[in-house]
Amino acid sequence: YDGPASAHCTMAFASEGELAAHRASCQWAPVTCTNAKCNAVMSRCRAATHAASCGFKVLPCSAGCGASVLRRDMQAHLAGACPKRAVACPFAAFGCTEEVSLGTLEKHLE
């Protein structure tokens, strides 16, 4: 984990109990990402950095539609299914310059 050039804890302990106690808080102990379907393993000291960019973290839609979306799928959601994404009126070729959210397009067309 963390790649071949990473430094890891080199402390030595006289007993298994001391080792177990240290392992519970050691910043170099291996931890697994807590996001579902992410199998990344890293040192505890690198977990926050991983969490800030993990593609498997579920986030609320950044446009505010209320959907829960994986970070790695957010751009596709915003470009496609998100009812808050901006769309041009289908009558733009006939002079309508309105840009509305996908969720309000039907009302605009009335």
Foldseek 3Di string as FASTA:
>chain_A
DADDVDDADDDDDPDPVVVVVCLVPGQRRWDAAPQPPGGDIGGNVCNVVCVVPPQRDWDAQPLPQGDTDRNVCNVVCLVPVRQQRWDAQPCVVVPDGDIGGNVCNVVVVD
